[in-house]
Amino acid sequence: MVLRTPGFGVLTRQATRLEVWGDPISHSRSPQLHAAAYEVLGLDWAYGRRRVDEASFADELAGLDETWRGLSLTMPLKGVAFAAAASRDRRAELTGAVNTLLLGADGPHGFNTDVGGIVRALADDGVTAVPRARIVGAGATATSAVVALGELGATDVEVIARRPEAVEPLASLGARLGIEVTAAPFAASGSHDVPLTIATLPGDAAVTDAAADALAQTGGLLLDVVYGHWPTALSGAWERAGGTARSGLGMLLHQAVLQIRIFRHGDPDTPLAAENDVLGAMRRVLEASAAA
């Protein structure tokens, strides 16, 4: 028997295996999050983890049989997953990054749920529209941050980066979205006030206290996508300044919900049955892990 997914061909009803791939991968909380959701949904799906690097990705993907339903992809696989996808959603096309593959007879279909994860995490803090913002860091996640800010109506985004040339692809993307993206070095940070800062640096990135404090003074709410290294240099500066800093756990939670929508319905915009109960169960997993 087969299950037809909206616009994406068919999956066998026996397709119940899923994993998160990346390198490193032992820190991932996705297995616990997905397991909690599947229990609420009454789905007998198995979700594991596998250490996969860019060099081994193609062979690992080719080795999956019809029992496999989908994959979550983390660093450094979002680019090779994009290339492997037979089709991609708009967010994936804009960012050049795929973090979710829906597997099926007609080839893997790629999605970027990081963008939606950022948008939904900010909504938890009441941020549903923002005219301007700041991004710290110009790596792969910064691309998703630019698209998310575009969806929130931003037209002016400053990117703090050590190398101005690294901002050029973000500026080109911003131009497609009607956003003016400008580069600024860490030494000149904090030149004007913004209501929102999205930090996309690795958790162990070296940031001086002076630079972090300057950003905190003018940066509004901080969403730091890091959750494995907390507190970060930036979140510490926000605390010293009396501001509000959020870790990447909210983004992790909400991008996982969108992934589960895809694995269940083939569509990130179709809500799950009892989605509030699913969210509650997943939040409890995060709270328990944070307390451990």
C-alpha atoms as a PDB file:
ATOM      1  CA  MET A   1       0.000   0.000   0.000  1.00  0.00           C
ATOM      2  CA  VAL A   2       1.092   3.567  -0.608  1.00  0.00           C
ATOM      3  CA  LEU A   3       0.435   6.982   0.867  1.00  0.00           C
ATOM      4  CA  ARG A   4       0.076   9.904  -1.521  1.00  0.00           C
ATOM      5  CA  THR A   5       1.525  13.169  -0.235  1.00  0.00           C
ATOM      6  CA  PRO A   6       0.329  16.562  -1.547  1.00  0.00           C
ATOM      7  CA  GLY A   7       2.306  17.297  -4.709  1.00  0.00           C
ATOM      8  CA  PHE A   8       5.075  14.836  -3.903  1.00  0.00           C
ATOM      9  CA  GLY A   9       4.174  11.438  -5.296  1.00  0.00           C
ATOM     10  CA  VAL A  10       3.924   8.454  -2.977  1.00  0.00           C
ATOM     11  CA  LEU A  11       5.435   6.883   0.102  1.00  0.00           C
ATOM     12  CA  THR A  12       4.973   3.256   1.071  1.00  0.00           C
ATOM     13  CA  ARG A  13       2.991   2.779   4.257  1.00  0.00           C
ATOM     14  CA  GLN A  14       5.974   0.779   5.488  1.00  0.00           C
ATOM     15  CA  ALA A  15       8.167   3.885   5.211  1.00  0.00           C
ATOM     16  CA  THR A  16       8.599   4.460   8.928  1.00  0.00           C
ATOM     17  CA  ARG A  17      12.341   5.012   9.338  1.00  0.00           C
ATOM     18  CA  LEU A  18      13.853   8.471   9.785  1.00  0.00           C
ATOM     19  CA  GLU A  19      17.174   9.871  10.966  1.00  0.00           C
ATOM     20  CA  VAL A  20      19.105  13.049  11.532  1.00  0.00           C
ATOM     21  CA  TRP A  21      22.462  13.166   9.753  1.00  0.00           C
ATOM     22  CA  GLY A  22      25.427  15.431  10.311  1.00  0.00           C
ATOM     23  CA  ASP A  23      28.982  15.649  11.581  1.00  0.00           C
ATOM     24  CA  PRO A  24      29.196  16.007  14.526  1.00  0.00           C
ATOM     25  CA  ILE A  25      25.833  14.526  15.476  1.00  0.00           C
ATOM     26  CA  SER A  26      26.055  13.134  19.020  1.00  0.00           C
ATOM     27  CA  HIS A  27      24.794  16.433  20.490  1.00  0.00           C
ATOM     28  CA  SER A  28      21.576  16.465  18.457  1.00  0.00           C
ATOM     29  CA  ARG A  29      18.324  16.579  20.392  1.00  0.00           C
ATOM     30  CA  SER A  30      16.247  15.787  17.326  1.00  0.00           C
ATOM     31  CA  PRO A  31      15.740  12.084  18.193  1.00  0.00           C
ATOM     32  CA  GLN A  32      14.154  12.968  21.532  1.00  0.00           C
ATOM     33  CA  LEU A  33      12.011  15.724  20.017  1.00  0.00           C
ATOM     34  CA  HIS A  34      10.726  13.570  17.192  1.00  0.00           C
ATOM     35  CA  ALA A  35      10.099  10.569  19.448  1.00  0.00           C
ATOM     36  CA  ALA A  36       7.972  12.711  21.763  1.00  0.00           C
ATOM     37  CA  ALA A  37       5.944  14.013  18.827  1.00  0.00           C
ATOM     38  CA  TYR A  38       5.389  10.596  17.260  1.00  0.00           C
ATOM     39  CA  GLU A  39       4.164   9.216  20.577  1.00  0.00           C
ATOM     40  CA  VAL A  40       1.508  11.937  20.803  1.00  0.00           C
ATOM     41  CA  LEU A  41       0.530  11.357  17.178  1.00  0.00           C
ATOM     42  CA  GLY A  42       0.321   7.599  17.657  1.00  0.00           C
ATOM     43  CA  LEU A  43       2.873   6.946  14.912  1.00  0.00           C
ATOM     44  CA  ASP A  44       5.068   3.859  15.041  1.00  0.00           C
ATOM     45  CA  TRP A  45       8.023   5.611  13.442  1.00  0.00           C
ATOM     46  CA  ALA A  46      11.667   5.116  14.368  1.00  0.00           C
ATOM     47  CA  TYR A  47      13.920   8.174  14.367  1.00  0.00           C
ATOM     48  CA  GLY A  48      17.660   7.815  14.945  1.00  0.00           C
ATOM     49  CA  ARG A  49      20.901   9.619  14.241  1.00  0.00           C
ATOM     50  CA  ARG A  50      23.869   8.909  12.008  1.00  0.00           C
ATOM     51  CA  ARG A  51      27.252  10.556  11.634  1.00  0.00           C
ATOM     52  CA  VAL A  52      27.548  11.447   7.959  1.00  0.00           C
ATOM     53  CA  ASP A  53      29.963  13.896   6.342  1.00  0.00           C
ATOM     54  CA  GLU A  54      29.834  15.524   2.918  1.00  0.00           C
ATOM     55  CA  ALA A  55      32.093  12.904   1.321  1.00  0.00           C
ATOM     56  CA  SER A  56      29.920   9.972   2.416  1.00  0.00           C
ATOM     57  CA  PHE A  57      26.499  11.609   1.979  1.00  0.00           C
ATOM     58  CA  ALA A  58      25.746  10.420  -1.566  1.00  0.00           C
ATOM     59  CA  ASP A  59      26.582   6.778  -0.812  1.00  0.00           C
ATOM     60  CA  GLU A  60      24.601   6.832   2.438  1.00  0.00           C
ATOM     61  CA  LEU A  61      21.573   8.321   0.691  1.00  0.00           C
ATOM     62  CA  ALA A  62      21.781   5.813  -2.173  1.00  0.00           C
ATOM     63  CA  GLY A  63      21.820   2.973   0.360  1.00  0.00           C
ATOM     64  CA  LEU A  64      18.373   3.774   1.797  1.00  0.00           C
ATOM     65  CA  ASP A  65      15.513   1.471   0.806  1.00  0.00           C
ATOM     66  CA  GLU A  66      11.722   1.940   0.680  1.00  0.00           C
ATOM     67  CA  THR A  67      11.407   1.654   4.458  1.00  0.00           C
ATOM     68  CA  TRP A  68      12.895   5.142   4.794  1.00  0.00           C
ATOM     69  CA  ARG A  69      10.513   8.084   5.086  1.00  0.00           C
ATOM     70  CA  GLY A  70      12.745  11.100   5.579  1.00  0.00           C
ATOM     71  CA  LEU A  71      15.908  12.730   6.855  1.00  0.00           C
ATOM     72  CA  SER A  72      16.793  15.744   8.939  1.00  0.00           C
ATOM     73  CA  LEU A  73      20.103  17.309   7.898  1.00  0.00           C
ATOM     74  CA  THR A  74      22.407  19.433   9.986  1.00  0.00           C
ATOM     75  CA  MET A  75      25.880  20.813   9.360  1.00  0.00           C
ATOM     76  CA  PRO A  76      27.714  20.255   7.080  1.00  0.00           C
ATOM     77  CA  LEU A  77      25.111  18.557   4.877  1.00  0.00           C
ATOM     78  CA  LYS A  78      22.611  21.262   3.954  1.00  0.00           C
ATOM     79  CA  GLY A  79      24.384  22.112   0.707  1.00  0.00           C
ATOM     80  CA  VAL A  80      24.816  18.530  -0.522  1.00  0.00           C
ATOM     81  CA  ALA A  81      21.212  17.782   0.467  1.00  0.00           C
ATOM     82  CA  PHE A  82      20.124  20.763  -1.633  1.00  0.00           C
ATOM     83  CA  ALA A  83      22.011  19.345  -4.611  1.00  0.00           C
ATOM     84  CA  ALA A  84      20.500  15.881  -4.088  1.00  0.00           C
ATOM     85  CA  ALA A  85      16.883  17.049  -3.951  1.00  0.00           C
ATOM     86  CA  ALA A  86      14.657  16.344  -6.946  1.00  0.00           C
ATOM     87  CA  SER A  87      12.523  19.347  -5.964  1.00  0.00           C
ATOM     88  CA  ARG A  88      12.820  22.094  -3.364  1.00  0.00           C
ATOM     89  CA  ASP A  89      10.497  24.494  -1.583  1.00  0.00           C
ATOM     90  CA  ARG A  90      10.868  28.257  -1.981  1.00  0.00           C
ATOM     91  CA  ARG A  91      12.807  28.701   1.248  1.00  0.00           C
ATOM     92  CA  ALA A  92      15.313  26.074   0.177  1.00  0.00           C
ATOM     93  CA  GLU A  93      15.690  27.646  -3.262  1.00  0.00           C
ATOM     94  CA  LEU A  94      16.325  31.068  -1.743  1.00  0.00           C
ATOM     95  CA  THR A  95      18.871  29.872   0.796  1.00  0.00           C
ATOM     96  CA  GLY A  96      20.559  27.104  -1.183  1.00  0.00           C
ATOM     97  CA  ALA A  97      20.144  24.943   1.925  1.00  0.00           C
ATOM     98  CA  VAL A  98      18.028  21.863   2.597  1.00  0.00           C
ATOM     99  CA  ASN A  99      17.670  20.561   6.150  1.00  0.00           C
ATOM    100  CA  THR A 100      14.777  18.169   5.446  1.00  0.00           C
ATOM    101  CA  LEU A 101      14.447  15.467   2.806  1.00  0.00           C
ATOM    102  CA  LEU A 102      11.146  13.715   2.191  1.00  0.00           C
ATOM    103  CA  LEU A 103      11.974  10.410   0.554  1.00  0.00           C
ATOM    104  CA  GLY A 104       9.779   8.643  -1.978  1.00  0.00           C
ATOM    105  CA  ALA A 105       9.605   6.769  -5.245  1.00  0.00           C
ATOM    106  CA  ASP A 106       9.987   9.962  -7.288  1.00  0.00           C
ATOM    107  CA  GLY A 107      13.159  11.136  -5.587  1.00  0.00           C
ATOM    108  CA  PRO A 108      13.953  13.129  -2.444  1.00  0.00           C
ATOM    109  CA  HIS A 109      12.112  16.414  -1.985  1.00  0.00           C
ATOM    110  CA  GLY A 110      13.995  19.154  -0.149  1.00  0.00           C
ATOM    111  CA  PHE A 111      12.788  21.732   2.341  1.00  0.00           C
ATOM    112  CA  ASN A 112      14.331  24.418   4.536  1.00  0.00           C
ATOM    113  CA  THR A 113      12.530  24.519   7.884  1.00  0.00           C
ATOM    114  CA  ASP A 114      15.195  26.684   9.551  1.00  0.00           C
ATOM    115  CA  VAL A 115      13.568  29.813   8.108  1.00  0.00           C
ATOM    116  CA  GLY A 116      10.174  28.902   9.534  1.00  0.00           C
ATOM    117  CA  GLY A 117      11.819  27.884  12.790  1.00  0.00           C
ATOM    118  CA  ILE A 118      13.250  31.391  13.190  1.00  0.00           C
ATOM    119  CA  VAL A 119       9.935  33.060  12.304  1.00  0.00           C
ATOM    120  CA  ARG A 120       7.931  30.888  14.718  1.00  0.00           C
ATOM    121  CA  ALA A 121      10.487  31.201  17.529  1.00  0.00           C
ATOM    122  CA  LEU A 122      10.343  34.996  17.288  1.00  0.00           C
ATOM    123  CA  ALA A 123       6.540  34.851  17.354  1.00  0.00           C
ATOM    124  CA  ASP A 124       6.805  33.192  20.781  1.00  0.00           C
ATOM    125  CA  ASP A 125       8.264  36.524  21.945  1.00  0.00           C
ATOM    126  CA  GLY A 126       5.564  38.529  20.194  1.00  0.00           C
ATOM    127  CA  VAL A 127       7.784  39.483  17.251  1.00  0.00           C
ATOM    128  CA  THR A 128       5.643  39.067  14.142  1.00  0.00           C
ATOM    129  CA  ALA A 129       6.911  42.068  12.173  1.00  0.00           C
ATOM    130  CA  VAL A 130      10.180  43.972  12.238  1.00  0.00           C
ATOM    131  CA  PRO A 131      11.319  46.864   9.996  1.00  0.00           C
ATOM    132  CA  ARG A 132      15.044  46.482  10.544  1.00  0.00           C
ATOM    133  CA  ALA A 133      17.368  44.063  12.277  1.00  0.00           C
ATOM    134  CA  ARG A 134      20.958  43.004  12.769  1.00  0.00           C
ATOM    135  CA  ILE A 135      22.576  39.649  12.033  1.00  0.00           C
ATOM    136  CA  VAL A 136      25.847  38.670  13.695  1.00  0.00           C
ATOM    137  CA  GLY A 137      27.852  36.318  11.495  1.00  0.00           C
ATOM    138  CA  ALA A 138      27.724  35.676   7.763  1.00  0.00           C
ATOM    139  CA  GLY A 139      27.738  31.896   7.524  1.00  0.00           C
ATOM    140  CA  ALA A 140      25.122  29.465   6.220  1.00  0.00           C
ATOM    141  CA  THR A 141      22.561  30.132   8.956  1.00  0.00           C
ATOM    142  CA  ALA A 142      22.727  33.851   8.230  1.00  0.00           C
ATOM    143  CA  THR A 143      21.150  33.101   4.858  1.00  0.00           C
ATOM    144  CA  SER A 144      18.109  31.574   6.550  1.00  0.00           C
ATOM    145  CA  ALA A 145      18.016  34.562   8.910  1.00  0.00           C
ATOM    146  CA  VAL A 146      17.854  36.992   5.964  1.00  0.00           C
ATOM    147  CA  VAL A 147      14.937  35.088   4.416  1.00  0.00           C
ATOM    148  CA  ALA A 148      13.158  34.933   7.777  1.00  0.00           C
ATOM    149  CA  LEU A 149      13.582  38.678   8.260  1.00  0.00           C
ATOM    150  CA  GLY A 150      12.194  39.240   4.779  1.00  0.00           C
ATOM    151  CA  GLU A 151       9.100  37.279   5.764  1.00  0.00           C
ATOM    152  CA  LEU A 152       8.781  39.536   8.816  1.00  0.00           C
ATOM    153  CA  GLY A 153       8.834  42.644   6.633  1.00  0.00           C
ATOM    154  CA  ALA A 154      12.378  43.864   7.272  1.00  0.00           C
ATOM    155  CA  THR A 155      13.812  46.219   4.667  1.00  0.00           C
ATOM    156  CA  ASP A 156      17.092  47.120   6.404  1.00  0.00           C
ATOM    157  CA  VAL A 157      19.487  44.495   7.772  1.00  0.00           C
ATOM    158  CA  GLU A 158      22.993  45.097   9.069  1.00  0.00           C
ATOM    159  CA  VAL A 159      25.345  42.110   9.084  1.00  0.00           C
ATOM    160  CA  ILE A 160      28.254  42.158  11.522  1.00  0.00           C
ATOM    161  CA  ALA A 161      31.097  40.110  10.055  1.00  0.00           C
ATOM    162  CA  ARG A 162      34.831  39.888  10.340  1.00  0.00           C
ATOM    163  CA  ARG A 163      35.194  39.740   6.538  1.00  0.00           C
ATOM    164  CA  PRO A 164      33.033  42.207   4.596  1.00  0.00           C
ATOM    165  CA  GLU A 165      33.292  40.093   1.447  1.00  0.00           C
ATOM    166  CA  ALA A 166      31.440  37.293   3.256  1.00  0.00           C
ATOM    167  CA  VAL A 167      28.365  39.548   3.342  1.00  0.00           C
ATOM    168  CA  GLU A 168      28.202  39.935  -0.447  1.00  0.00           C
ATOM    169  CA  PRO A 169      26.038  36.802  -1.042  1.00  0.00           C
ATOM    170  CA  LEU A 170      23.675  37.961   1.710  1.00  0.00           C
ATOM    171  CA  ALA A 171      23.426  41.382   0.082  1.00  0.00           C
ATOM    172  CA  SER A 172      22.560  39.746  -3.244  1.00  0.00           C
ATOM    173  CA  LEU A 173      19.890  37.632  -1.565  1.00  0.00           C
ATOM    174  CA  GLY A 174      18.552  40.690   0.223  1.00  0.00           C
ATOM    175  CA  ALA A 175      18.231  42.549  -3.067  1.00  0.00           C
ATOM    176  CA  ARG A 176      16.002  39.744  -4.385  1.00  0.00           C
ATOM    177  CA  LEU A 177      13.805  40.115  -1.305  1.00  0.00           C
ATOM    178  CA  GLY A 178      13.667  43.911  -1.201  1.00  0.00           C
ATOM    179  CA  ILE A 179      16.044  44.134   1.760  1.00  0.00           C
ATOM    180  CA  GLU A 180      19.051  46.441   1.917  1.00  0.00           C
ATOM    181  CA  VAL A 181      21.800  44.345   3.509  1.00  0.00           C
ATOM    182  CA  THR A 182      24.879  46.247   4.646  1.00  0.00           C
ATOM    183  CA  ALA A 183      28.112  44.983   6.171  1.00  0.00           C
ATOM    184  CA  ALA A 184      29.773  46.280   9.314  1.00  0.00           C
ATOM    185  CA  PRO A 185      32.854  45.026  11.163  1.00  0.00           C
ATOM    186  CA  PHE A 186      32.753  44.009  14.821  1.00  0.00           C
ATOM    187  CA  ALA A 187      34.828  47.070  15.696  1.00  0.00           C
ATOM    188  CA  ALA A 188      32.037  49.366  14.453  1.00  0.00           C
ATOM    189  CA  SER A 189      29.135  47.405  15.929  1.00  0.00           C
ATOM    190  CA  GLY A 190      26.331  49.133  17.727  1.00  0.00           C
ATOM    191  CA  SER A 191      26.227  52.122  15.387  1.00  0.00           C
ATOM    192  CA  HIS A 192      22.434  52.376  15.489  1.00  0.00           C
ATOM    193  CA  ASP A 193      19.520  50.860  17.380  1.00  0.00           C
ATOM    194  CA  VAL A 194      17.638  47.829  16.070  1.00  0.00           C
ATOM    195  CA  PRO A 195      14.707  46.008  17.704  1.00  0.00           C
ATOM    196  CA  LEU A 196      16.102  42.545  16.913  1.00  0.00           C
ATOM    197  CA  THR A 197      19.468  40.813  16.631  1.00  0.00           C
ATOM    198  CA  ILE A 198      19.903  37.294  15.270  1.00  0.00           C
ATOM    199  CA  ALA A 199      23.260  35.753  16.129  1.00  0.00           C
ATOM    200  CA  THR A 200      24.413  32.953  13.828  1.00  0.00           C
ATOM    201  CA  LEU A 201      27.934  32.411  15.162  1.00  0.00           C
ATOM    202  CA  PRO A 202      29.140  29.052  16.520  1.00  0.00           C
ATOM    203  CA  GLY A 203      28.747  28.832  20.280  1.00  0.00           C
ATOM    204  CA  ASP A 204      32.488  28.882  20.891  1.00  0.00           C
ATOM    205  CA  ALA A 205      33.181  31.824  18.562  1.00  0.00           C
ATOM    206  CA  ALA A 206      35.570  34.370  20.030  1.00  0.00           C
ATOM    207  CA  VAL A 207      33.851  37.720  20.570  1.00  0.00           C
ATOM    208  CA  THR A 208      35.442  40.389  22.733  1.00  0.00           C
ATOM    209  CA  ASP A 209      33.473  41.760  25.665  1.00  0.00           C
ATOM    210  CA  ALA A 210      33.729  45.256  24.168  1.00  0.00           C
ATOM    211  CA  ALA A 211      32.173  44.178  20.869  1.00  0.00           C
ATOM    212  CA  ALA A 212      29.503  42.079  22.556  1.00  0.00           C
ATOM    213  CA  ASP A 213      28.578  44.883  24.947  1.00  0.00           C
ATOM    214  CA  ALA A 214      28.300  47.387  22.086  1.00  0.00           C
ATOM    215  CA  LEU A 215      25.926  45.069  20.245  1.00  0.00           C
ATOM    216  CA  ALA A 216      23.850  44.500  23.372  1.00  0.00           C
ATOM    217  CA  GLN A 217      23.413  48.215  23.986  1.00  0.00           C
ATOM    218  CA  THR A 218      21.711  48.748  20.640  1.00  0.00           C
ATOM    219  CA  GLY A 219      20.517  45.279  19.650  1.00  0.00           C
ATOM    220  CA  GLY A 220      16.986  44.834  21.029  1.00  0.00           C
ATOM    221  CA  LEU A 221      15.886  41.232  21.493  1.00  0.00           C
ATOM    222  CA  LEU A 222      18.629  38.656  20.871  1.00  0.00           C
ATOM    223  CA  LEU A 223      17.869  35.342  19.198  1.00  0.00           C
ATOM    224  CA  ASP A 224      21.092  33.350  19.355  1.00  0.00           C
ATOM    225  CA  VAL A 225      20.739  30.207  17.242  1.00  0.00           C
ATOM    226  CA  VAL A 226      23.187  28.357  19.508  1.00  0.00           C
ATOM    227  CA  TYR A 227      21.796  25.944  22.085  1.00  0.00           C
ATOM    228  CA  GLY A 228      24.650  23.509  22.754  1.00  0.00           C
ATOM    229  CA  HIS A 229      27.048  26.167  24.115  1.00  0.00           C
ATOM    230  CA  TRP A 230      25.042  28.329  26.471  1.00  0.00           C
ATOM    231  CA  PRO A 231      25.522  31.000  27.664  1.00  0.00           C
ATOM    232  CA  THR A 232      27.432  32.526  24.762  1.00  0.00           C
ATOM    233  CA  ALA A 233      29.560  35.661  24.729  1.00  0.00           C
ATOM    234  CA  LEU A 234      26.646  37.550  23.210  1.00  0.00           C
ATOM    235  CA  SER A 235      23.971  36.260  25.571  1.00  0.00           C
ATOM    236  CA  GLY A 236      26.227  37.206  28.478  1.00  0.00           C
ATOM    237  CA  ALA A 237      26.496  40.749  27.142  1.00  0.00           C
ATOM    238  CA  TRP A 238      22.708  40.975  26.782  1.00  0.00           C
ATOM    239  CA  GLU A 239      22.352  39.856  30.402  1.00  0.00           C
ATOM    240  CA  ARG A 240      24.811  42.519  31.557  1.00  0.00           C
ATOM    241  CA  ALA A 241      22.836  45.123  29.626  1.00  0.00           C
ATOM    242  CA  GLY A 242      19.531  44.003  31.096  1.00  0.00           C
ATOM    243  CA  GLY A 243      18.234  42.835  27.725  1.00  0.00           C
ATOM    244  CA  THR A 244      16.447  39.679  26.627  1.00  0.00           C
ATOM    245  CA  ALA A 245      18.384  36.831  25.035  1.00  0.00           C
ATOM    246  CA  ARG A 246      16.872  33.631  23.688  1.00  0.00           C
ATOM    247  CA  SER A 247      18.829  30.520  22.778  1.00  0.00           C
ATOM    248  CA  GLY A 248      18.304  28.486  19.639  1.00  0.00           C
ATOM    249  CA  LEU A 249      16.085  25.962  21.432  1.00  0.00           C
ATOM    250  CA  GLY A 250      12.958  27.752  20.215  1.00  0.00           C
ATOM    251  CA  MET A 251      14.203  27.636  16.638  1.00  0.00           C
ATOM    252  CA  LEU A 252      15.121  23.958  17.085  1.00  0.00           C
ATOM    253  CA  LEU A 253      11.649  23.183  18.412  1.00  0.00           C
ATOM    254  CA  HIS A 254       9.720  24.953  15.689  1.00  0.00           C
ATOM    255  CA  GLN A 255      11.827  23.768  12.764  1.00  0.00           C
ATOM    256  CA  ALA A 256      11.299  20.217  14.053  1.00  0.00           C
ATOM    257  CA  VAL A 257       7.521  20.726  14.103  1.00  0.00           C
ATOM    258  CA  LEU A 258       7.669  21.833  10.471  1.00  0.00           C
ATOM    259  CA  GLN A 259       9.767  18.776   9.638  1.00  0.00           C
ATOM    260  CA  ILE A 260       7.200  16.509  11.249  1.00  0.00           C
ATOM    261  CA  ARG A 261       4.451  18.191   9.215  1.00  0.00           C
ATOM    262  CA  ILE A 262       6.473  17.363   6.103  1.00  0.00           C
ATOM    263  CA  PHE A 263       7.070  13.756   7.149  1.00  0.00           C
ATOM    264  CA  ARG A 264       3.369  13.376   8.002  1.00  0.00           C
ATOM    265  CA  HIS A 265       1.667  15.346   5.212  1.00  0.00           C
ATOM    266  CA  GLY A 266       4.342  16.246   2.664  1.00  0.00           C
ATOM    267  CA  ASP A 267       3.651  19.919   3.384  1.00  0.00           C
ATOM    268  CA  PRO A 268       5.167  22.251   6.020  1.00  0.00           C
ATOM    269  CA  ASP A 269       2.014  24.403   5.979  1.00  0.00           C
ATOM    270  CA  THR A 270      -0.439  21.644   6.948  1.00  0.00           C
ATOM    271  CA  PRO A 271      -0.801  21.544  10.752  1.00  0.00           C
ATOM    272  CA  LEU A 272      -0.542  18.288  12.652  1.00  0.00           C
ATOM    273  CA  ALA A 273      -3.473  16.746  14.446  1.00  0.00           C
ATOM    274  CA  ALA A 274      -3.332  17.863  18.094  1.00  0.00           C
ATOM    275  CA  GLU A 275      -0.381  20.109  17.237  1.00  0.00           C
ATOM    276  CA  ASN A 276      -0.589  21.992  20.540  1.00  0.00           C
ATOM    277  CA  ASP A 277      -0.224  18.676  22.370  1.00  0.00           C
ATOM    278  CA  VAL A 278       2.727  17.802  20.160  1.00  0.00           C
ATOM    279  CA  LEU A 279       4.379  21.136  20.941  1.00  0.00           C
ATOM    280  CA  GLY A 280       3.783  20.641  24.651  1.00  0.00           C
ATOM    281  CA  ALA A 281       5.413  17.219  24.626  1.00  0.00           C
ATOM    282  CA  MET A 282       8.399  18.511  22.684  1.00  0.00           C
ATOM    283  CA  ARG A 283       8.813  21.501  24.988  1.00  0.00           C
ATOM    284  CA  ARG A 284       8.889  19.161  27.977  1.00  0.00           C
ATOM    285  CA  VAL A 285      11.720  17.226  26.339  1.00  0.00           C
ATOM    286  CA  LEU A 286      13.743  20.424  25.955  1.00  0.00           C
ATOM    287  CA  GLU A 287      13.012  21.513  29.505  1.00  0.00           C
ATOM    288  CA  ALA A 288      14.097  18.151  30.869  1.00  0.00           C
ATOM    289  CA  SER A 289      17.330  18.189  28.881  1.00  0.00           C
ATOM    290  CA  ALA A 290      18.091  21.731  30.008  1.00  0.00           C
ATOM    291  CA  ALA A 291      17.578  20.762  33.632  1.00  0.00           C
ATOM    292  CA  ALA A 292      19.783  17.656  33.374  1.00  0.00           C
END
